[in-house]
PDB file of N, CA and C in Angstrom:
ATOM      1  N   MET A   1     -16.998   1.463 -17.817  1.00  0.00           N
ATOM      2  CA  MET A   1     -17.863   3.196 -17.881  1.00  0.00           C
ATOM      3  C   MET A   1     -17.062   4.073 -18.216  1.00  0.00           C
ATOM      4  N   GLU A   2     -17.706   5.447 -18.533  1.00  0.00           N
ATOM      5  CA  GLU A   2     -16.419   6.160 -18.815  1.00  0.00           C
ATOM      6  C   GLU A   2     -16.821   7.424 -17.722  1.00  0.00           C
ATOM      7  N   ILE A   3     -15.792   7.319 -16.471  1.00  0.00           N
ATOM      8  CA  ILE A   3     -15.959   9.418 -15.686  1.00  0.00           C
ATOM      9  C   ILE A   3     -15.783  10.200 -16.671  1.00  0.00           C
ATOM     10  N   THR A   4     -16.859  10.747 -16.113  1.00  0.00           N
ATOM     11  CA  THR A   4     -16.881  12.525 -16.162  1.00  0.00           C
ATOM     12  C   THR A   4     -16.171  12.881 -15.222  1.00  0.00           C
ATOM     13  N   GLU A   5     -15.555  14.327 -15.729  1.00  0.00           N
ATOM     14  CA  GLU A   5     -15.674  15.042 -14.733  1.00  0.00           C
ATOM     15  C   GLU A   5     -16.287  15.523 -13.168  1.00  0.00           C
ATOM     16  N   THR A   6     -17.608  15.906 -13.721  1.00  0.00           N
ATOM     17  CA  THR A   6     -18.691  16.716 -12.924  1.00  0.00           C
ATOM     18  C   THR A   6     -19.713  15.972 -11.914  1.00  0.00           C
ATOM     19  N   GLU A   7     -18.959  14.407 -11.775  1.00  0.00           N
ATOM     20  CA  GLU A   7     -19.270  13.150 -10.281  1.00  0.00           C
ATOM     21  C   GLU A   7     -17.853  13.950  -9.679  1.00  0.00           C
ATOM     22  N   VAL A   8     -18.340  13.569  -8.505  1.00  0.00           N
ATOM     23  CA  VAL A   8     -16.965  14.076  -7.356  1.00  0.00           C
ATOM     24  C   VAL A   8     -16.556  12.957  -6.854  1.00  0.00           C
ATOM     25  N   TRP A   9     -15.278  13.324  -7.097  1.00  0.00           N
ATOM     26  CA  TRP A   9     -14.366  11.861  -5.971  1.00  0.00           C
ATOM     27  C   TRP A   9     -15.125  12.349  -4.255  1.00  0.00           C
ATOM     28  N   ARG A  10     -14.527  11.245  -3.651  1.00  0.00           N
ATOM     29  CA  ARG A  10     -15.004  11.013  -2.174  1.00  0.00           C
ATOM     30  C   ARG A  10     -14.008  10.400  -1.253  1.00  0.00           C
ATOM     31  N   LYS A  11     -13.334  10.759  -0.550  1.00  0.00           N
ATOM     32  CA  LYS A  11     -12.198   9.776   0.401  1.00  0.00           C
ATOM     33  C   LYS A  11     -13.289   9.813   2.293  1.00  0.00           C
ATOM     34  N   SER A  12     -12.317   8.911   2.721  1.00  0.00           N
ATOM     35  CA  SER A  12     -13.570   9.662   4.142  1.00  0.00           C
ATOM     36  C   SER A  12     -12.502  10.094   4.540  1.00  0.00           C
ATOM     37  N   SER A  13     -13.628  11.201   6.093  1.00  0.00           N
ATOM     38  CA  SER A  13     -13.170  11.881   6.355  1.00  0.00           C
ATOM     39  C   SER A  13     -11.965  11.510   7.985  1.00  0.00           C
ATOM     40  N   TYR A  14     -11.626  10.895   7.560  1.00  0.00           N
ATOM     41  CA  TYR A  14     -10.381   9.705   8.942  1.00  0.00           C
ATOM     42  C   TYR A  14      -9.080   9.918   7.291  1.00  0.00           C
ATOM     43  N   SER A  15      -9.278  10.219   6.480  1.00  0.00           N
ATOM     44  CA  SER A  15      -7.373  10.129   5.475  1.00  0.00           C
ATOM     45  C   SER A  15      -6.945  11.033   5.781  1.00  0.00           C
ATOM     46  N   ASN A  16      -6.075  10.372   6.307  1.00  0.00           N
ATOM     47  CA  ASN A  16      -4.967  12.015   6.865  1.00  0.00           C
ATOM     48  C   ASN A  16      -4.723  12.739   5.543  1.00  0.00           C
ATOM     49  N   GLY A  17      -3.322  13.619   5.721  1.00  0.00           N
ATOM     50  CA  GLY A  17      -3.390  14.457   4.970  1.00  0.00           C
ATOM     51  C   GLY A  17      -2.145  14.322   4.052  1.00  0.00           C
ATOM     52  N   GLN A  18      -1.459  12.639   3.927  1.00  0.00           N
ATOM     53  CA  GLN A  18      -1.076  11.766   2.955  1.00  0.00           C
ATOM     54  C   GLN A  18      -1.576  11.489   1.762  1.00  0.00           C
ATOM     55  N   SER A  19      -2.859  11.301   1.938  1.00  0.00           N
ATOM     56  CA  SER A  19      -3.493  11.103   0.352  1.00  0.00           C
ATOM     57  C   SER A  19      -3.389   9.583   0.714  1.00  0.00           C
ATOM     58  N   ALA A  20      -3.215   8.900   1.214  1.00  0.00           N
ATOM     59  CA  ALA A  20      -3.043   7.451   1.704  1.00  0.00           C
ATOM     60  C   ALA A  20      -4.657   6.855   1.829  1.00  0.00           C
ATOM     61  N   CYS A  21      -5.371   7.052   0.732  1.00  0.00           N
ATOM     62  CA  CYS A  21      -7.262   6.615   1.122  1.00  0.00           C
ATOM     63  C   CYS A  21      -7.145   6.079  -0.242  1.00  0.00           C
ATOM     64  N   VAL A  22      -8.073   6.002  -0.080  1.00  0.00           N
ATOM     65  CA  VAL A  22      -8.935   5.628  -2.012  1.00  0.00           C
ATOM     66  C   VAL A  22      -9.668   6.566  -1.235  1.00  0.00           C
ATOM     67  N   GLU A  23     -10.223   7.005  -2.834  1.00  0.00           N
ATOM     68  CA  GLU A  23     -11.385   7.684  -3.402  1.00  0.00           C
ATOM     69  C   GLU A  23     -12.453   7.042  -4.161  1.00  0.00           C
ATOM     70  N   VAL A  24     -14.122   7.009  -4.044  1.00  0.00           N
ATOM     71  CA  VAL A  24     -14.944   6.419  -5.000  1.00  0.00           C
ATOM     72  C   VAL A  24     -15.629   7.801  -5.507  1.00  0.00           C
ATOM     73  N   ARG A  25     -16.460   7.111  -6.599  1.00  0.00           N
ATOM     74  CA  ARG A  25     -17.888   8.269  -7.177  1.00  0.00           C
ATOM     75  C   ARG A  25     -18.888   7.520  -7.277  1.00  0.00           C
ATOM     76  N   MET A  26     -19.868   7.721  -7.197  1.00  0.00           N
ATOM     77  CA  MET A  26     -20.982   7.243  -7.114  1.00  0.00           C
ATOM     78  C   MET A  26     -22.405   7.747  -8.425  1.00  0.00           C
ATOM     79  N   ALA A  27     -22.403   6.510  -9.410  1.00  0.00           N
ATOM     80  CA  ALA A  27     -23.001   7.336 -10.153  1.00  0.00           C
ATOM     81  C   ALA A  27     -23.976   6.115 -10.979  1.00  0.00           C
ATOM     82  N   GLU A  28     -24.004   6.252 -11.806  1.00  0.00           N
ATOM     83  CA  GLU A  28     -25.000   4.692 -13.074  1.00  0.00           C
ATOM     84  C   GLU A  28     -24.261   2.498 -11.630  1.00  0.00           C
ATOM     85  N   ALA A  29     -23.328   3.988 -11.166  1.00  0.00           N
ATOM     86  CA  ALA A  29     -21.859   2.712 -11.080  1.00  0.00           C
ATOM     87  C   ALA A  29     -21.154   3.506 -10.091  1.00  0.00           C
ATOM     88  N   VAL A  30     -20.272   2.671  -9.109  1.00  0.00           N
ATOM     89  CA  VAL A  30     -19.056   3.409  -7.904  1.00  0.00           C
ATOM     90  C   VAL A  30     -18.058   2.874  -9.140  1.00  0.00           C
ATOM     91  N   ALA A  31     -16.848   4.028  -8.928  1.00  0.00           N
ATOM     92  CA  ALA A  31     -15.889   3.631  -9.160  1.00  0.00           C
ATOM     93  C   ALA A  31     -14.606   3.757  -8.260  1.00  0.00           C
ATOM     94  N   ALA A  32     -13.759   3.507  -8.022  1.00  0.00           N
ATOM     95  CA  ALA A  32     -12.358   3.556  -7.003  1.00  0.00           C
ATOM     96  C   ALA A  32     -11.725   3.866  -7.223  1.00  0.00           C
ATOM     97  N   ARG A  33     -10.712   4.316  -6.865  1.00  0.00           N
ATOM     98  CA  ARG A  33      -8.812   4.736  -7.234  1.00  0.00           C
ATOM     99  C   ARG A  33      -8.480   5.647  -5.769  1.00  0.00           C
ATOM    100  N   ASP A  34      -6.539   5.055  -6.227  1.00  0.00           N
ATOM    101  CA  ASP A  34      -6.033   5.614  -5.952  1.00  0.00           C
ATOM    102  C   ASP A  34      -5.660   6.998  -5.586  1.00  0.00           C
ATOM    103  N   SER A  35      -5.865   7.441  -4.067  1.00  0.00           N
ATOM    104  CA  SER A  35      -5.205   9.214  -4.096  1.00  0.00           C
ATOM    105  C   SER A  35      -4.250   8.992  -4.183  1.00  0.00           C
ATOM    106  N   LYS A  36      -3.600   8.463  -3.990  1.00  0.00           N
ATOM    107  CA  LYS A  36      -1.972   9.294  -4.702  1.00  0.00           C
ATOM    108  C   LYS A  36      -2.282   9.444  -5.524  1.00  0.00           C
ATOM    109  N   CYS A  37      -3.005   8.283  -7.027  1.00  0.00           N
ATOM    110  CA  CYS A  37      -2.488   8.696  -8.364  1.00  0.00           C
ATOM    111  C   CYS A  37      -4.055   8.426  -9.387  1.00  0.00           C
ATOM    112  N   ALA A  38      -5.048  10.373  -8.769  1.00  0.00           N
ATOM    113  CA  ALA A  38      -5.513  10.651  -9.462  1.00  0.00           C
ATOM    114  C   ALA A  38      -5.521   9.783 -10.592  1.00  0.00           C
ATOM    115  N   ASP A  39      -4.991  10.321 -11.807  1.00  0.00           N
ATOM    116  CA  ASP A  39      -4.334   9.805 -13.075  1.00  0.00           C
ATOM    117  C   ASP A  39      -3.999   8.422 -13.179  1.00  0.00           C
ATOM    118  N   GLY A  40      -3.612   7.597 -12.449  1.00  0.00           N
ATOM    119  CA  GLY A  40      -4.030   5.915 -12.631  1.00  0.00           C
ATOM    120  C   GLY A  40      -5.270   5.187 -12.474  1.00  0.00           C
ATOM    121  N   PRO A  41      -5.412   3.823 -12.128  1.00  0.00           N
ATOM    122  CA  PRO A  41      -6.706   3.078 -13.007  1.00  0.00           C
ATOM    123  C   PRO A  41      -7.536   3.098 -12.816  1.00  0.00           C
ATOM    124  N   VAL A  42      -8.362   2.930 -12.996  1.00  0.00           N
ATOM    125  CA  VAL A  42      -9.730   3.205 -11.956  1.00  0.00           C
ATOM    126  C   VAL A  42     -10.697   1.686 -11.789  1.00  0.00           C
ATOM    127  N   LEU A  43     -10.871   1.858 -10.919  1.00  0.00           N
ATOM    128  CA  LEU A  43     -11.801   0.393 -10.330  1.00  0.00           C
ATOM    129  C   LEU A  43     -13.932   0.421 -10.956  1.00  0.00           C
ATOM    130  N   THR A  44     -14.184  -0.508 -11.554  1.00  0.00           N
ATOM    131  CA  THR A  44     -15.600   0.147 -11.516  1.00  0.00           C
ATOM    132  C   THR A  44     -16.123  -0.954 -10.706  1.00  0.00           C
ATOM    133  N   PHE A  45     -17.656  -0.246 -10.196  1.00  0.00           N
ATOM    134  CA  PHE A  45     -18.415  -2.171  -9.822  1.00  0.00           C
ATOM    135  C   PHE A  45     -20.275  -0.918  -9.523  1.00  0.00           C
ATOM    136  N   GLY A  46     -21.133  -2.519 -10.592  1.00  0.00           N
ATOM    137  CA  GLY A  46     -22.311  -2.071  -9.725  1.00  0.00           C
ATOM    138  C   GLY A  46     -22.813  -1.720  -8.538  1.00  0.00           C
ATOM    139  N   THR A  47     -24.009  -1.196  -8.135  1.00  0.00           N
ATOM    140  CA  THR A  47     -24.410  -0.347  -6.759  1.00  0.00           C
ATOM    141  C   THR A  47     -24.424  -1.947  -6.372  1.00  0.00           C
ATOM    142  N   GLY A  48     -25.053  -2.833  -6.303  1.00  0.00           N
ATOM    143  CA  GLY A  48     -25.260  -4.124  -5.728  1.00  0.00           C
ATOM    144  C   GLY A  48     -23.856  -4.761  -5.521  1.00  0.00           C
ATOM    145  N   GLN A  49     -22.554  -4.870  -6.498  1.00  0.00           N
ATOM    146  CA  GLN A  49     -21.120  -5.030  -5.728  1.00  0.00           C
ATOM    147  C   GLN A  49     -20.721  -4.597  -4.572  1.00  0.00           C
ATOM    148  N   TRP A  50     -20.577  -3.271  -4.186  1.00  0.00           N
ATOM    149  CA  TRP A  50     -19.920  -2.416  -4.286  1.00  0.00           C
ATOM    150  C   TRP A  50     -21.142  -2.553  -2.629  1.00  0.00           C
ATOM    151  N   GLY A  51     -22.740  -2.149  -2.916  1.00  0.00           N
ATOM    152  CA  GLY A  51     -23.147  -2.944  -1.303  1.00  0.00           C
ATOM    153  C   GLY A  51     -22.982  -3.955  -0.237  1.00  0.00           C
ATOM    154  N   ALA A  52     -22.320  -4.897  -1.743  1.00  0.00           N
ATOM    155  CA  ALA A  52     -21.787  -6.491  -0.821  1.00  0.00           C
ATOM    156  C   ALA A  52     -20.878  -5.805  -0.320  1.00  0.00           C
ATOM    157  N   PHE A  53     -20.379  -5.309  -0.647  1.00  0.00           N
ATOM    158  CA  PHE A  53     -18.700  -5.351  -0.224  1.00  0.00           C
ATOM    159  C   PHE A  53     -18.197  -4.433   1.119  1.00  0.00           C
ATOM    160  N   VAL A  54     -19.464  -3.170   0.779  1.00  0.00           N
ATOM    161  CA  VAL A  54     -19.180  -2.192   1.564  1.00  0.00           C
ATOM    162  C   VAL A  54     -20.428  -3.604   3.289  1.00  0.00           C
ATOM    163  N   ALA A  55     -20.895  -3.989   2.961  1.00  0.00           N
ATOM    164  CA  ALA A  55     -21.809  -4.216   4.540  1.00  0.00           C
ATOM    165  C   ALA A  55     -20.906  -5.685   3.702  1.00  0.00           C
ATOM    166  N   GLY A  56     -20.787  -6.661   3.923  1.00  0.00           N
ATOM    167  CA  GLY A  56     -19.314  -7.682   4.597  1.00  0.00           C
ATOM    168  C   GLY A  56     -17.154  -6.333   5.274  1.00  0.00           C
ATOM    169  N   VAL A  57     -17.332  -5.693   5.196  1.00  0.00           N
ATOM    170  CA  VAL A  57     -16.758  -4.805   5.143  1.00  0.00           C
ATOM    171  C   VAL A  57     -17.058  -4.427   7.360  1.00  0.00           C
ATOM    172  N   ALA A  58     -18.343  -4.033   7.212  1.00  0.00           N
ATOM    173  CA  ALA A  58     -19.524  -3.405   8.255  1.00  0.00           C
ATOM    174  C   ALA A  58     -19.051  -4.524   9.104  1.00  0.00           C
ATOM    175  N   GLU A  59     -20.061  -5.590   8.419  1.00  0.00           N
ATOM    176  CA  GLU A  59     -19.596  -6.457   9.589  1.00  0.00           C
ATOM    177  C   GLU A  59     -18.999  -7.804   9.648  1.00  0.00           C
ATOM    178  N   GLY A  60     -17.122  -7.338   9.546  1.00  0.00           N
ATOM    179  CA  GLY A  60     -16.543  -7.256   9.490  1.00  0.00           C
ATOM    180  C   GLY A  60     -15.845  -9.165   9.082  1.00  0.00           C
ATOM    181  N   ARG A  61     -16.975  -9.108   7.788  1.00  0.00           N
ATOM    182  CA  ARG A  61     -16.979 -10.671   7.386  1.00  0.00           C
ATOM    183  C   ARG A  61     -15.520 -10.820   6.536  1.00  0.00           C
ATOM    184  N   LEU A  62     -14.709  -9.451   5.537  1.00  0.00           N
ATOM    185  CA  LEU A  62     -13.548  -9.875   4.782  1.00  0.00           C
ATOM    186  C   LEU A  62     -12.188  -9.900   5.731  1.00  0.00           C
ATOM    187  N   GLY A  63     -11.230 -10.597   5.801  1.00  0.00           N
ATOM    188  CA  GLY A  63     -10.270 -10.929   6.406  1.00  0.00           C
ATOM    189  C   GLY A  63      -9.269 -10.068   5.879  1.00  0.00           C
ATOM    190  N   ARG A  64      -8.369  -9.698   6.768  1.00  0.00           N
ATOM    191  CA  ARG A  64      -7.623  -8.628   6.012  1.00  0.00           C
ATOM    192  C   ARG A  64      -6.226  -9.296   5.210  1.00  0.00           C
TER     193      ARG A  64
END
């Protein structure tokens, strides 16, 4: 999937000023990257996969 500059990267409002956070872009798929390395690799997920991940986090089903 090609990421275009018109898509907006977002990060949590809980993120600290040191940029130690994950950023995401929502479009036809979800892209995630390390905010400390904006030019680094980007992981992409289908919307169903991302939804399952977010639900797992919210429900505490994923360990540390």
